[in-house]
Amino acid sequence: MSEQQLVFGPVDERTLQQAFDIFSRRQLNPEYLIGYEGNAFTSTGNPASDILSITAVHPLREDALRKMLQENSAGWEVVTGLIDQGALTELDHGGRKYYLRTLRKRTMSQEPALNVVEARR
């Protein structure tokens, strides 16, 4: 998507990241309300549930996620399973991988049409 387009309606994680990057390049100082908060997370012993709970509010950086899995004696297949289910999304930002809960689980029949219009300056 170019900077000359506006998208109306629900957006996905990648579109949200693109908007953040565009605003940053224009020095508008955007901030995610779901911004990265570090690696100090507690665990219930259920890694999949913990990942979804945390990523509903804060992105998890890959290193923090791997540490959490290691502390719970769980493997990376927990993450790939959540991604395959459409519950977790992987994003690249600033040379690092982040994971956040998928904003909305959709099927093709539920996918709304996007209205794209030329931005006016």
N, C-alpha and C. Protein backbone atom coordinates (compact mmCIF):
# COMPACT_ATOMS: atom_id res chain seq x y z
N MET A 1 0.85 -1.17 0.00
CA MET A 1 0.00 0.00 0.00
C MET A 1 0.89 1.23 0.00
N SER A 2 0.57 2.18 -0.84
CA SER A 2 1.37 3.40 -0.89
C SER A 2 0.87 4.40 0.13
N GLU A 3 1.68 5.41 0.38
CA GLU A 3 1.29 6.47 1.30
C GLU A 3 0.17 7.32 0.73
N GLN A 4 -0.15 7.16 -0.54
CA GLN A 4 -1.20 7.94 -1.18
C GLN A 4 -2.58 7.32 -1.02
N GLN A 5 -2.68 6.21 -0.32
CA GLN A 5 -3.96 5.52 -0.17
C GLN A 5 -4.41 5.53 1.28
N LEU A 6 -5.70 5.62 1.46
CA LEU A 6 -6.30 5.46 2.78
C LEU A 6 -7.19 4.23 2.74
N VAL A 7 -7.19 3.46 3.79
CA VAL A 7 -8.03 2.28 3.87
C VAL A 7 -9.04 2.51 4.96
N PHE A 8 -10.31 2.32 4.64
CA PHE A 8 -11.37 2.47 5.62
C PHE A 8 -11.91 1.09 5.96
N GLY A 9 -12.22 0.88 7.20
CA GLY A 9 -12.74 -0.40 7.65
C GLY A 9 -11.71 -1.10 8.51
N PRO A 10 -12.01 -2.32 8.91
CA PRO A 10 -11.08 -3.07 9.77
C PRO A 10 -9.73 -3.26 9.08
N VAL A 11 -8.68 -3.17 9.86
CA VAL A 11 -7.34 -3.37 9.32
C VAL A 11 -6.71 -4.58 9.99
N ASP A 12 -5.70 -5.13 9.33
CA ASP A 12 -4.99 -6.25 9.92
C ASP A 12 -3.69 -5.76 10.54
N GLU A 13 -2.92 -6.67 11.11
CA GLU A 13 -1.71 -6.31 11.83
C GLU A 13 -0.66 -5.67 10.93
N ARG A 14 -0.52 -6.18 9.71
CA ARG A 14 0.48 -5.63 8.79
C ARG A 14 0.14 -4.20 8.37
N THR A 15 -1.16 -3.93 8.16
CA THR A 15 -1.59 -2.58 7.80
C THR A 15 -1.33 -1.63 8.96
N LEU A 16 -1.58 -2.08 10.18
CA LEU A 16 -1.30 -1.27 11.36
C LEU A 16 0.19 -0.95 11.45
N GLN A 17 1.03 -1.96 11.18
CA GLN A 17 2.48 -1.75 11.21
C GLN A 17 2.91 -0.79 10.11
N GLN A 18 2.32 -0.91 8.91
CA GLN A 18 2.66 0.00 7.82
C GLN A 18 2.31 1.44 8.20
N ALA A 19 1.16 1.65 8.81
CA ALA A 19 0.76 2.99 9.23
C ALA A 19 1.76 3.54 10.25
N PHE A 20 2.14 2.70 11.21
CA PHE A 20 3.12 3.11 12.22
C PHE A 20 4.42 3.54 11.55
N ASP A 21 4.90 2.75 10.59
CA ASP A 21 6.15 3.06 9.90
C ASP A 21 6.05 4.36 9.09
N ILE A 22 4.92 4.57 8.42
CA ILE A 22 4.72 5.80 7.65
C ILE A 22 4.73 7.01 8.58
N PHE A 23 4.00 6.93 9.68
CA PHE A 23 3.96 8.04 10.63
C PHE A 23 5.34 8.31 11.21
N SER A 24 6.09 7.24 11.49
CA SER A 24 7.44 7.40 12.04
C SER A 24 8.36 8.10 11.04
N ARG A 25 8.31 7.69 9.78
CA ARG A 25 9.14 8.32 8.75
C ARG A 25 8.83 9.81 8.61
N ARG A 26 7.59 10.16 8.85
CA ARG A 26 7.19 11.58 8.75
C ARG A 26 7.37 12.31 10.08
N GLN A 27 8.04 11.64 11.01
CA GLN A 27 8.37 12.19 12.33
C GLN A 27 7.14 12.68 13.09
N LEU A 28 6.06 11.88 13.02
CA LEU A 28 4.83 12.21 13.74
C LEU A 28 4.80 11.56 15.12
N ASN A 29 5.86 10.81 15.45
CA ASN A 29 6.02 10.19 16.77
C ASN A 29 4.83 9.33 17.20
N PRO A 30 4.45 8.35 16.36
CA PRO A 30 3.33 7.49 16.76
C PRO A 30 3.74 6.57 17.91
N GLU A 31 2.78 6.07 18.62
CA GLU A 31 3.05 5.11 19.69
C GLU A 31 1.93 4.08 19.71
N TYR A 32 2.32 2.82 19.74
CA TYR A 32 1.33 1.76 19.90
C TYR A 32 0.85 1.78 21.34
N LEU A 33 -0.42 1.69 21.53
CA LEU A 33 -0.92 1.50 22.89
C LEU A 33 -0.67 0.06 23.32
N ILE A 34 -0.31 -0.76 22.35
CA ILE A 34 0.04 -2.15 22.64
C ILE A 34 1.55 -2.34 22.53
N GLY A 35 2.30 -1.29 22.82
CA GLY A 35 3.75 -1.28 22.64
C GLY A 35 4.49 -2.33 23.45
N TYR A 36 5.71 -2.61 23.03
CA TYR A 36 6.56 -3.61 23.67
C TYR A 36 6.91 -3.18 25.09
N GLU A 37 6.76 -4.07 26.05
CA GLU A 37 6.92 -3.73 27.45
C GLU A 37 8.04 -4.49 28.15
N GLY A 38 8.90 -5.16 27.40
CA GLY A 38 9.99 -5.90 28.03
C GLY A 38 9.70 -7.39 28.12
N ASN A 39 10.51 -8.09 28.92
CA ASN A 39 10.44 -9.55 28.97
C ASN A 39 9.93 -10.11 30.29
N ALA A 40 9.49 -9.29 31.21
CA ALA A 40 9.08 -9.77 32.53
C ALA A 40 7.61 -10.16 32.52
N PHE A 41 7.33 -11.41 32.14
CA PHE A 41 5.96 -11.91 32.09
C PHE A 41 5.81 -13.08 33.03
N THR A 42 4.66 -13.19 33.64
CA THR A 42 4.39 -14.35 34.49
C THR A 42 3.74 -15.44 33.67
N SER A 43 3.78 -16.65 34.18
CA SER A 43 3.25 -17.79 33.46
C SER A 43 2.27 -18.57 34.31
N THR A 44 1.24 -19.09 33.66
CA THR A 44 0.26 -19.94 34.34
C THR A 44 0.61 -21.41 34.18
N GLY A 45 1.62 -21.69 33.36
CA GLY A 45 1.97 -23.08 33.07
C GLY A 45 1.35 -23.58 31.77
N ASN A 46 0.50 -22.77 31.15
CA ASN A 46 -0.09 -23.11 29.86
C ASN A 46 0.45 -22.12 28.84
N PRO A 47 1.55 -22.48 28.15
CA PRO A 47 2.23 -21.52 27.26
C PRO A 47 1.34 -20.93 26.17
N ALA A 48 0.49 -21.73 25.55
CA ALA A 48 -0.37 -21.21 24.48
C ALA A 48 -1.32 -20.15 25.02
N SER A 49 -1.93 -20.43 26.14
CA SER A 49 -2.85 -19.47 26.77
C SER A 49 -2.11 -18.21 27.22
N ASP A 50 -0.92 -18.39 27.81
CA ASP A 50 -0.12 -17.25 28.25
C ASP A 50 0.27 -16.35 27.08
N ILE A 51 0.69 -16.97 25.98
CA ILE A 51 1.09 -16.20 24.79
C ILE A 51 -0.08 -15.38 24.28
N LEU A 52 -1.26 -15.99 24.19
CA LEU A 52 -2.43 -15.26 23.69
C LEU A 52 -2.86 -14.16 24.65
N SER A 53 -2.75 -14.41 25.94
CA SER A 53 -3.12 -13.38 26.92
C SER A 53 -2.18 -12.18 26.85
N ILE A 54 -0.90 -12.45 26.78
CA ILE A 54 0.09 -11.36 26.74
C ILE A 54 0.00 -10.59 25.42
N THR A 55 -0.08 -11.32 24.32
CA THR A 55 -0.06 -10.67 23.01
C THR A 55 -1.37 -9.97 22.68
N ALA A 56 -2.40 -10.17 23.49
CA ALA A 56 -3.64 -9.41 23.32
C ALA A 56 -3.42 -7.95 23.72
N VAL A 57 -2.41 -7.71 24.56
CA VAL A 57 -2.15 -6.36 25.05
C VAL A 57 -0.79 -5.82 24.63
N HIS A 58 0.21 -6.69 24.52
CA HIS A 58 1.58 -6.28 24.20
C HIS A 58 2.17 -7.23 23.17
N PRO A 59 2.92 -6.69 22.20
CA PRO A 59 3.65 -7.59 21.31
C PRO A 59 4.74 -8.30 22.11
N LEU A 60 5.03 -9.52 21.73
CA LEU A 60 6.12 -10.29 22.35
C LEU A 60 7.26 -10.36 21.35
N ARG A 61 8.43 -9.94 21.75
CA ARG A 61 9.60 -10.07 20.90
C ARG A 61 10.02 -11.53 20.87
N GLU A 62 10.62 -11.95 19.76
CA GLU A 62 10.98 -13.35 19.59
C GLU A 62 11.84 -13.88 20.74
N ASP A 63 12.83 -13.10 21.19
CA ASP A 63 13.70 -13.59 22.26
C ASP A 63 12.92 -13.79 23.57
N ALA A 64 11.97 -12.91 23.85
CA ALA A 64 11.16 -13.06 25.06
C ALA A 64 10.25 -14.28 24.95
N LEU A 65 9.73 -14.50 23.76
CA LEU A 65 8.86 -15.64 23.52
C LEU A 65 9.63 -16.95 23.67
N ARG A 66 10.83 -16.99 23.12
CA ARG A 66 11.65 -18.21 23.26
C ARG A 66 12.01 -18.47 24.72
N LYS A 67 12.30 -17.40 25.46
CA LYS A 67 12.62 -17.56 26.88
C LYS A 67 11.41 -18.10 27.65
N MET A 68 10.24 -17.56 27.35
CA MET A 68 9.01 -18.03 27.99
C MET A 68 8.77 -19.51 27.71
N LEU A 69 8.95 -19.91 26.46
CA LEU A 69 8.77 -21.31 26.10
C LEU A 69 9.78 -22.19 26.83
N GLN A 70 11.02 -21.75 26.87
CA GLN A 70 12.07 -22.51 27.54
C GLN A 70 11.75 -22.68 29.03
N GLU A 71 11.31 -21.62 29.68
CA GLU A 71 10.97 -21.68 31.10
C GLU A 71 9.79 -22.60 31.38
N ASN A 72 8.97 -22.86 30.35
CA ASN A 72 7.83 -23.75 30.49
C ASN A 72 8.07 -25.11 29.85
N SER A 73 9.34 -25.38 29.49
CA SER A 73 9.71 -26.64 28.84
C SER A 73 8.82 -26.94 27.63
N ALA A 74 8.54 -25.89 26.87
CA ALA A 74 7.71 -26.03 25.68
C ALA A 74 8.54 -25.70 24.45
N GLY A 75 8.14 -26.22 23.31
CA GLY A 75 8.86 -26.00 22.07
C GLY A 75 8.21 -24.95 21.19
N TRP A 76 8.93 -24.58 20.13
CA TRP A 76 8.47 -23.56 19.20
C TRP A 76 7.19 -23.98 18.48
N GLU A 77 6.87 -25.26 18.50
CA GLU A 77 5.64 -25.73 17.85
C GLU A 77 4.39 -25.10 18.47
N VAL A 78 4.48 -24.64 19.70
CA VAL A 78 3.36 -23.91 20.32
C VAL A 78 3.08 -22.65 19.51
N VAL A 79 4.14 -21.94 19.15
CA VAL A 79 4.01 -20.69 18.38
C VAL A 79 3.52 -20.99 16.97
N THR A 80 4.13 -21.95 16.31
CA THR A 80 3.71 -22.27 14.94
C THR A 80 2.27 -22.76 14.92
N GLY A 81 1.87 -23.48 15.95
CA GLY A 81 0.47 -23.92 16.04
C GLY A 81 -0.49 -22.75 16.15
N LEU A 82 -0.15 -21.78 16.97
CA LEU A 82 -1.01 -20.59 17.13
C LEU A 82 -1.06 -19.78 15.83
N ILE A 83 0.08 -19.69 15.13
CA ILE A 83 0.10 -18.99 13.85
C ILE A 83 -0.76 -19.73 12.84
N ASP A 84 -0.60 -21.06 12.77
CA ASP A 84 -1.39 -21.87 11.84
C ASP A 84 -2.89 -21.78 12.11
N GLN A 85 -3.26 -21.61 13.37
CA GLN A 85 -4.68 -21.48 13.75
C GLN A 85 -5.23 -20.09 13.46
N GLY A 86 -4.33 -19.16 13.14
CA GLY A 86 -4.76 -17.79 12.88
C GLY A 86 -4.94 -16.97 14.15
N ALA A 87 -4.42 -17.47 15.27
CA ALA A 87 -4.57 -16.78 16.55
C ALA A 87 -3.42 -15.84 16.84
N LEU A 88 -2.27 -16.05 16.18
CA LEU A 88 -1.07 -15.27 16.45
C LEU A 88 -0.48 -14.81 15.11
N THR A 89 0.07 -13.60 15.10
CA THR A 89 0.66 -13.03 13.89
C THR A 89 2.11 -12.67 14.15
N GLU A 90 2.97 -12.98 13.19
CA GLU A 90 4.39 -12.61 13.27
C GLU A 90 4.61 -11.38 12.41
N LEU A 91 5.29 -10.38 12.99
CA LEU A 91 5.62 -9.15 12.26
C LEU A 91 7.10 -8.84 12.42
N ASP A 92 7.69 -8.25 11.39
CA ASP A 92 9.06 -7.76 11.46
C ASP A 92 9.01 -6.26 11.69
N HIS A 93 9.83 -5.79 12.63
CA HIS A 93 9.91 -4.36 12.89
C HIS A 93 11.29 -4.04 13.44
N GLY A 94 11.96 -3.11 12.79
CA GLY A 94 13.27 -2.69 13.26
C GLY A 94 14.29 -3.82 13.29
N GLY A 95 14.17 -4.76 12.37
CA GLY A 95 15.12 -5.87 12.31
C GLY A 95 14.85 -6.98 13.32
N ARG A 96 13.75 -6.93 14.01
CA ARG A 96 13.38 -7.97 14.98
C ARG A 96 12.02 -8.54 14.64
N LYS A 97 11.78 -9.76 15.09
CA LYS A 97 10.47 -10.39 14.92
C LYS A 97 9.67 -10.19 16.20
N TYR A 98 8.41 -9.80 16.00
CA TYR A 98 7.47 -9.64 17.09
C TYR A 98 6.25 -10.49 16.83
N TYR A 99 5.58 -10.86 17.89
CA TYR A 99 4.39 -11.68 17.79
C TYR A 99 3.27 -10.99 18.54
N LEU A 100 2.10 -10.89 17.90
CA LEU A 100 0.96 -10.32 18.57
C LEU A 100 -0.29 -11.11 18.22
N ARG A 101 -1.24 -11.01 19.11
CA ARG A 101 -2.49 -11.74 18.90
C ARG A 101 -3.16 -11.19 17.66
N THR A 102 -3.69 -12.07 16.84
CA THR A 102 -4.37 -11.66 15.64
C THR A 102 -5.58 -10.81 16.03
N LEU A 103 -5.71 -9.66 15.38
CA LEU A 103 -6.76 -8.73 15.75
C LEU A 103 -8.15 -9.31 15.57
N ARG A 104 -8.36 -10.00 14.49
CA ARG A 104 -9.67 -10.56 14.22
C ARG A 104 -9.50 -11.81 13.38
N LYS A 105 -10.10 -12.88 13.81
CA LYS A 105 -10.06 -14.12 13.05
C LYS A 105 -11.18 -14.06 12.03
N ARG A 106 -10.84 -14.17 10.75
CA ARG A 106 -11.83 -14.05 9.69
C ARG A 106 -11.75 -15.22 8.75
N THR A 107 -12.87 -15.52 8.14
CA THR A 107 -12.89 -16.46 7.03
C THR A 107 -13.09 -15.63 5.78
N MET A 108 -12.88 -16.21 4.63
CA MET A 108 -13.03 -15.47 3.38
C MET A 108 -14.45 -14.92 3.24
N SER A 109 -15.47 -15.66 3.68
CA SER A 109 -16.84 -15.18 3.55
C SER A 109 -17.12 -14.01 4.48
N GLN A 110 -16.33 -13.85 5.55
CA GLN A 110 -16.52 -12.76 6.48
C GLN A 110 -15.68 -11.55 6.13
N GLU A 111 -14.77 -11.69 5.18
CA GLU A 111 -13.84 -10.61 4.84
C GLU A 111 -14.59 -9.43 4.24
N PRO A 112 -14.54 -8.26 4.89
CA PRO A 112 -15.24 -7.10 4.34
C PRO A 112 -14.48 -6.53 3.15
N ALA A 113 -15.20 -5.91 2.26
CA ALA A 113 -14.56 -5.25 1.13
C ALA A 113 -13.87 -3.99 1.65
N LEU A 114 -12.67 -3.74 1.16
CA LEU A 114 -11.95 -2.54 1.56
C LEU A 114 -12.27 -1.41 0.59
N ASN A 115 -12.51 -0.26 1.13
CA ASN A 115 -12.71 0.92 0.32
C ASN A 115 -11.41 1.68 0.29
N VAL A 116 -10.79 1.75 -0.86
CA VAL A 116 -9.50 2.45 -1.00
C VAL A 116 -9.75 3.71 -1.82
N VAL A 117 -9.36 4.84 -1.27
CA VAL A 117 -9.53 6.10 -1.98
C VAL A 117 -8.21 6.84 -2.01
N GLU A 118 -8.05 7.69 -2.98
CA GLU A 118 -6.85 8.50 -3.10
C GLU A 118 -6.86 9.56 -2.00
N ALA A 119 -5.77 9.66 -1.27
CA ALA A 119 -5.67 10.66 -0.20
C ALA A 119 -5.56 12.04 -0.83
N ARG A 120 -6.21 13.00 -0.23
CA ARG A 120 -6.13 14.39 -0.71
C ARG A 120 -5.20 15.16 0.18
N ARG A 121 -4.34 15.93 -0.42
CA ARG A 121 -3.40 16.75 0.35
C ARG A 121 -3.84 18.18 0.38
